[in-house]
Each structure stands twice: as C-alpha cells, then as structure tokens.
Amino acid sequence: MIEWQKRITIDPEKFGGRPCIRGLRIRVTDIIDLLASGLNQDEIIEELPDLEKEAVLVALKYASQKLDHPVIAP
C-alpha cells in the first residue's frame, strides 16, 4: 500500500501550500499534468530525473483520495 502521507508535504511557505513530493520542488499537479498530457511513468522520470517511480504512484494515490470524498446533502 502506498502511503502518500510519508511522501507528500504541504507547506504554506512553499508553492502557496500546494502538495509537493517530499524533498523536491515538484508539485503533485506537475505529475498529474504530465500524465494527463499522455506521458507514461518512464517519460515523466525522464522529464523530472530527481523523481522516483514510486512518487508518480504516490501523486496518483494522493489525487485519488482527495477527489474521492463524500458529499453530504443538506
């Protein structure tokens, strides 16, 4: 199981509080945007050589969990 909490940081002083891969200046949205553009995991690593393959999966897991939240109707 991928635990995004150990790999993603959110710091109001960096990137306006947007989630980033721990220790790198790479935002989760950067990875998601590259995936949405059609790049695969290996191509993303080629574009962002400091990134590890697991970080791509962590970014996806983070995005999935943040988007999949219950909506409570009034």
C-alpha atoms as a PDB file:
ATOM      1  CA  MET A   1       0.000   0.000   0.000  1.00  0.00           C
ATOM      2  CA  ILE A   2       1.267   3.435  -0.918  1.00  0.00           C
ATOM      3  CA  GLU A   3       1.119   5.883   1.955  1.00  0.00           C
ATOM      4  CA  TRP A   4       1.149   9.330   0.392  1.00  0.00           C
ATOM      5  CA  GLN A   5       1.384  10.934   3.837  1.00  0.00           C
ATOM      6  CA  LYS A   6       5.036   9.856   4.057  1.00  0.00           C
ATOM      7  CA  ARG A   7       5.968  11.176   0.593  1.00  0.00           C
ATOM      8  CA  ILE A   8       3.936  14.366   0.138  1.00  0.00           C
ATOM      9  CA  THR A   9       4.349  17.587   2.058  1.00  0.00           C
ATOM     10  CA  ILE A  10       2.105  20.613   2.266  1.00  0.00           C
ATOM     11  CA  ASP A  11       3.841  23.758   3.487  1.00  0.00           C
ATOM     12  CA  PRO A  12       2.111  27.157   3.322  1.00  0.00           C
ATOM     13  CA  GLU A  13       5.548  28.727   2.769  1.00  0.00           C
ATOM     14  CA  LYS A  14       6.214  26.677  -0.392  1.00  0.00           C
ATOM     15  CA  PHE A  15       4.209  26.842  -3.597  1.00  0.00           C
ATOM     16  CA  GLY A  16       1.338  28.515  -1.781  1.00  0.00           C
ATOM     17  CA  GLY A  17       0.625  25.394   0.243  1.00  0.00           C
ATOM     18  CA  ARG A  18       0.198  23.139  -2.775  1.00  0.00           C
ATOM     19  CA  PRO A  19       1.162  19.493  -2.171  1.00  0.00           C
ATOM     20  CA  CYS A  20       4.703  18.578  -3.256  1.00  0.00           C
ATOM     21  CA  ILE A  21       6.821  15.475  -3.337  1.00  0.00           C
ATOM     22  CA  ARG A  22       8.864  15.456  -0.114  1.00  0.00           C
ATOM     23  CA  GLY A  23      12.324  16.933  -0.524  1.00  0.00           C
ATOM     24  CA  LEU A  24      11.757  18.037  -4.115  1.00  0.00           C
ATOM     25  CA  ARG A  25      10.318  21.128  -5.701  1.00  0.00           C
ATOM     26  CA  ILE A  26       7.870  19.065  -7.727  1.00  0.00           C
ATOM     27  CA  ARG A  27       4.167  19.603  -7.155  1.00  0.00           C
ATOM     28  CA  VAL A  28       1.648  16.794  -7.319  1.00  0.00           C
ATOM     29  CA  THR A  29      -0.143  18.778 -10.028  1.00  0.00           C
ATOM     30  CA  ASP A  30       3.048  18.774 -12.128  1.00  0.00           C
ATOM     31  CA  ILE A  31       2.973  14.973 -12.167  1.00  0.00           C
ATOM     32  CA  ILE A  32      -0.774  14.764 -12.807  1.00  0.00           C
ATOM     33  CA  ASP A  33      -0.480  17.291 -15.657  1.00  0.00           C
ATOM     34  CA  LEU A  34       2.275  15.244 -17.292  1.00  0.00           C
ATOM     35  CA  LEU A  35       0.175  12.097 -17.008  1.00  0.00           C
ATOM     36  CA  ALA A  36      -2.826  13.940 -18.469  1.00  0.00           C
ATOM     37  CA  SER A  37      -0.621  15.067 -21.363  1.00  0.00           C
ATOM     38  CA  GLY A  38      -0.042  11.435 -22.247  1.00  0.00           C
ATOM     39  CA  LEU A  39       3.372  10.798 -20.735  1.00  0.00           C
ATOM     40  CA  ASN A  40       3.905   7.450 -19.081  1.00  0.00           C
ATOM     41  CA  GLN A  41       5.759   6.842 -15.833  1.00  0.00           C
ATOM     42  CA  ASP A  42       9.154   6.365 -17.514  1.00  0.00           C
ATOM     43  CA  GLU A  43       8.743   9.511 -19.615  1.00  0.00           C
ATOM     44  CA  ILE A  44       7.876  11.515 -16.512  1.00  0.00           C
ATOM     45  CA  ILE A  45      11.042  10.265 -14.813  1.00  0.00           C
ATOM     46  CA  GLU A  46      12.952  11.307 -17.922  1.00  0.00           C
ATOM     47  CA  GLU A  47      11.401  14.814 -17.696  1.00  0.00           C
ATOM     48  CA  LEU A  48      11.952  15.050 -13.940  1.00  0.00           C
ATOM     49  CA  PRO A  49      15.089  12.969 -13.248  1.00  0.00           C
ATOM     50  CA  ASP A  50      15.090  13.697  -9.485  1.00  0.00           C
ATOM     51  CA  LEU A  51      11.726  11.967  -9.217  1.00  0.00           C
ATOM     52  CA  GLU A  52      11.473   8.284  -8.266  1.00  0.00           C
ATOM     53  CA  LYS A  53       8.982   5.984  -9.961  1.00  0.00           C
ATOM     54  CA  GLU A  54       7.111   5.462  -6.706  1.00  0.00           C
ATOM     55  CA  ALA A  55       6.490   9.220  -6.496  1.00  0.00           C
ATOM     56  CA  VAL A  56       4.311   9.069  -9.616  1.00  0.00           C
ATOM     57  CA  LEU A  57       2.141   6.429  -7.962  1.00  0.00           C
ATOM     58  CA  VAL A  58       2.078   8.419  -4.729  1.00  0.00           C
ATOM     59  CA  ALA A  59       0.857  11.503  -6.609  1.00  0.00           C
ATOM     60  CA  LEU A  60      -1.944   9.465  -8.176  1.00  0.00           C
ATOM     61  CA  LYS A  61      -2.921   7.969  -4.832  1.00  0.00           C
ATOM     62  CA  TYR A  62      -2.974  11.420  -3.240  1.00  0.00           C
ATOM     63  CA  ALA A  63      -5.141  12.841  -6.033  1.00  0.00           C
ATOM     64  CA  SER A  64      -7.497   9.869  -5.861  1.00  0.00           C
ATOM     65  CA  GLN A  65      -8.021  10.173  -2.133  1.00  0.00           C
ATOM     66  CA  LYS A  66      -8.511  13.941  -2.286  1.00  0.00           C
ATOM     67  CA  LEU A  67     -11.090  13.673  -5.077  1.00  0.00           C
ATOM     68  CA  ASP A  68     -12.996  10.755  -3.613  1.00  0.00           C
ATOM     69  CA  HIS A  69     -14.693  12.338  -0.651  1.00  0.00           C
ATOM     70  CA  PRO A  70     -18.291  12.023   0.449  1.00  0.00           C
ATOM     71  CA  VAL A  71     -20.719  14.788  -0.342  1.00  0.00           C
ATOM     72  CA  ILE A  72     -23.326  15.306   2.336  1.00  0.00           C
ATOM     73  CA  ALA A  73     -26.512  16.863   1.022  1.00  0.00           C
ATOM     74  CA  PRO A  74     -28.361  19.267   3.341  1.00  0.00           C
END
